[in-house]
Amino acid sequence: MAEAGALWVRLVNAADEPIGGGEVFLIFPSGKRQGPFPVNDQGVRIRTLPLGRYRVLVSAKDLVQERSLAVDVAAGEETEAAVRMVAPPTPPKS
């Protein structure tokens, strides 16, 4: 019986086109943080993760994560997560 799963994280732009060059960090159910995992145009696969719900945080040059993302990793499966990256908000002018 499998007691681990995998996560495939892809970064996409507003048009759902793949982008690379970022880094992924995982926040484990216990609160432990792991990463960075470098991301290329195909994304990044993180294998042999303990089962549970993970928060996915992404860092990429000149882009921010559109929204917070939590994913469930299930036994013997690869969970896919597409993280939409957008330009940071423009600060209001004084």
C-alpha atoms as a PDB file:
ATOM      1  CA  MET A   1       0.000   0.000   0.000  1.00  0.00           C
ATOM      2  CA  ALA A   2       1.454   3.378  -1.045  1.00  0.00           C
ATOM      3  CA  GLU A   3       1.931   5.880   1.773  1.00  0.00           C
ATOM      4  CA  ALA A   4       3.269   8.680  -0.381  1.00  0.00           C
ATOM      5  CA  GLY A   5       2.106  10.751  -3.300  1.00  0.00           C
ATOM      6  CA  ALA A   6       3.545  13.279  -5.727  1.00  0.00           C
ATOM      7  CA  LEU A   7       2.800  16.839  -6.762  1.00  0.00           C
ATOM      8  CA  TRP A   8       3.260  18.384 -10.214  1.00  0.00           C
ATOM      9  CA  VAL A   9       3.245  22.179 -10.022  1.00  0.00           C
ATOM     10  CA  ARG A  10       3.005  24.223 -13.225  1.00  0.00           C
ATOM     11  CA  LEU A  11       3.197  28.003 -13.473  1.00  0.00           C
ATOM     12  CA  VAL A  12       0.918  29.666 -16.010  1.00  0.00           C
ATOM     13  CA  ASN A  13       0.232  33.240 -17.086  1.00  0.00           C
ATOM     14  CA  ALA A  14      -3.205  34.885 -17.410  1.00  0.00           C
ATOM     15  CA  ALA A  15      -3.679  33.141 -20.795  1.00  0.00           C
ATOM     16  CA  ASP A  16      -2.911  29.721 -19.194  1.00  0.00           C
ATOM     17  CA  GLU A  17       0.402  29.526 -21.102  1.00  0.00           C
ATOM     18  CA  PRO A  18       3.263  27.828 -19.259  1.00  0.00           C
ATOM     19  CA  ILE A  19       5.998  29.963 -17.758  1.00  0.00           C
ATOM     20  CA  GLY A  20       9.270  28.922 -16.165  1.00  0.00           C
ATOM     21  CA  GLY A  21      11.927  30.471 -14.056  1.00  0.00           C
ATOM     22  CA  GLY A  22      10.174  30.517 -10.712  1.00  0.00           C
ATOM     23  CA  GLU A  23      10.582  28.599  -7.476  1.00  0.00           C
ATOM     24  CA  VAL A  24       8.039  26.567  -5.531  1.00  0.00           C
ATOM     25  CA  PHE A  25       7.921  26.192  -1.769  1.00  0.00           C
ATOM     26  CA  LEU A  26       5.675  23.725   0.059  1.00  0.00           C
ATOM     27  CA  ILE A  27       4.190  24.233   3.494  1.00  0.00           C
ATOM     28  CA  PHE A  28       3.579  20.783   4.991  1.00  0.00           C
ATOM     29  CA  PRO A  29       0.524  20.001   7.131  1.00  0.00           C
ATOM     30  CA  SER A  30       2.870  20.205  10.150  1.00  0.00           C
ATOM     31  CA  GLY A  31       3.872  23.773   9.205  1.00  0.00           C
ATOM     32  CA  LYS A  32       7.330  22.763   7.974  1.00  0.00           C
ATOM     33  CA  ARG A  33       8.484  24.627   4.854  1.00  0.00           C
ATOM     34  CA  GLN A  34      10.399  22.852   2.065  1.00  0.00           C
ATOM     35  CA  GLY A  35      12.010  24.332  -1.037  1.00  0.00           C
ATOM     36  CA  PRO A  36      12.904  26.033  -3.199  1.00  0.00           C
ATOM     37  CA  PHE A  37      12.107  23.682  -6.059  1.00  0.00           C
ATOM     38  CA  PRO A  38      13.165  25.330  -9.367  1.00  0.00           C
ATOM     39  CA  VAL A  39      10.469  25.438 -12.051  1.00  0.00           C
ATOM     40  CA  ASN A  40      11.048  25.151 -15.811  1.00  0.00           C
ATOM     41  CA  ASP A  41       8.493  25.514 -18.636  1.00  0.00           C
ATOM     42  CA  GLN A  42       7.080  22.042 -17.863  1.00  0.00           C
ATOM     43  CA  GLY A  43       6.762  22.789 -14.143  1.00  0.00           C
ATOM     44  CA  VAL A  44       8.303  20.780 -11.334  1.00  0.00           C
ATOM     45  CA  ARG A  45       7.469  17.321 -10.007  1.00  0.00           C
ATOM     46  CA  ILE A  46       7.956  16.747  -6.303  1.00  0.00           C
ATOM     47  CA  ARG A  47       7.850  13.050  -5.519  1.00  0.00           C
ATOM     48  CA  THR A  48       7.443  10.916  -2.391  1.00  0.00           C
ATOM     49  CA  LEU A  49       5.501  13.414  -0.332  1.00  0.00           C
ATOM     50  CA  PRO A  50       3.697  12.239   2.779  1.00  0.00           C
ATOM     51  CA  LEU A  51      -0.083  12.278   2.407  1.00  0.00           C
ATOM     52  CA  GLY A  52      -1.934  15.431   3.383  1.00  0.00           C
ATOM     53  CA  ARG A  53      -2.858  18.994   2.421  1.00  0.00           C
ATOM     54  CA  TYR A  54      -0.034  21.312   1.380  1.00  0.00           C
ATOM     55  CA  ARG A  55       0.059  25.053   0.787  1.00  0.00           C
ATOM     56  CA  VAL A  56       1.905  25.953  -2.420  1.00  0.00           C
ATOM     57  CA  LEU A  57       3.874  29.207  -2.471  1.00  0.00           C
ATOM     58  CA  VAL A  58       5.568  30.488  -5.617  1.00  0.00           C
ATOM     59  CA  SER A  59       8.255  33.071  -6.198  1.00  0.00           C
ATOM     60  CA  ALA A  60       8.913  34.344  -9.740  1.00  0.00           C
ATOM     61  CA  LYS A  61      10.661  37.435 -11.062  1.00  0.00           C
ATOM     62  CA  ASP A  62       8.271  40.347 -11.696  1.00  0.00           C
ATOM     63  CA  LEU A  63       5.191  38.176 -11.007  1.00  0.00           C
ATOM     64  CA  VAL A  64       3.027  37.282  -8.023  1.00  0.00           C
ATOM     65  CA  GLN A  65       0.787  34.333  -7.300  1.00  0.00           C
ATOM     66  CA  GLU A  66      -2.809  35.240  -8.209  1.00  0.00           C
ATOM     67  CA  ARG A  67      -4.289  33.467  -5.191  1.00  0.00           C
ATOM     68  CA  SER A  68      -3.353  31.198  -2.329  1.00  0.00           C
ATOM     69  CA  LEU A  69      -3.365  27.513  -3.234  1.00  0.00           C
ATOM     70  CA  ALA A  70      -3.792  24.384  -1.115  1.00  0.00           C
ATOM     71  CA  VAL A  71      -3.606  20.901  -2.630  1.00  0.00           C
ATOM     72  CA  ASP A  72      -4.233  17.409  -1.313  1.00  0.00           C
ATOM     73  CA  VAL A  73      -1.597  14.741  -1.924  1.00  0.00           C
ATOM     74  CA  ALA A  74      -3.131  11.256  -2.046  1.00  0.00           C
ATOM     75  CA  ALA A  75      -1.516   7.828  -1.774  1.00  0.00           C
ATOM     76  CA  GLY A  76       0.038   6.543  -4.996  1.00  0.00           C
ATOM     77  CA  GLU A  77      -1.194   9.510  -7.060  1.00  0.00           C
ATOM     78  CA  GLU A  78       0.309  12.566  -8.708  1.00  0.00           C
ATOM     79  CA  THR A  79      -1.704  15.709  -8.013  1.00  0.00           C
ATOM     80  CA  GLU A  80      -1.453  18.486 -10.611  1.00  0.00           C
ATOM     81  CA  ALA A  81      -1.585  22.119  -9.542  1.00  0.00           C
ATOM     82  CA  ALA A  82      -1.545  25.011 -12.022  1.00  0.00           C
ATOM     83  CA  VAL A  83      -0.568  28.247 -10.315  1.00  0.00           C
ATOM     84  CA  ARG A  84      -1.574  31.407 -12.173  1.00  0.00           C
ATOM     85  CA  MET A  85       1.023  34.161 -11.989  1.00  0.00           C
ATOM     86  CA  VAL A  86       0.147  37.831 -12.630  1.00  0.00           C
ATOM     87  CA  ALA A  87       1.835  41.216 -12.575  1.00  0.00           C
ATOM     88  CA  PRO A  88       1.904  42.726  -9.090  1.00  0.00           C
ATOM     89  CA  PRO A  89      -0.711  45.386  -8.352  1.00  0.00           C
ATOM     90  CA  THR A  90       0.335  48.949  -9.059  1.00  0.00           C
ATOM     91  CA  PRO A  91       0.495  51.031  -5.888  1.00  0.00           C
ATOM     92  CA  PRO A  92      -1.910  53.973  -5.790  1.00  0.00           C
ATOM     93  CA  LYS A  93      -0.473  57.343  -6.809  1.00  0.00           C
ATOM     94  CA  SER A  94      -0.227  59.979  -4.111  1.00  0.00           C
END
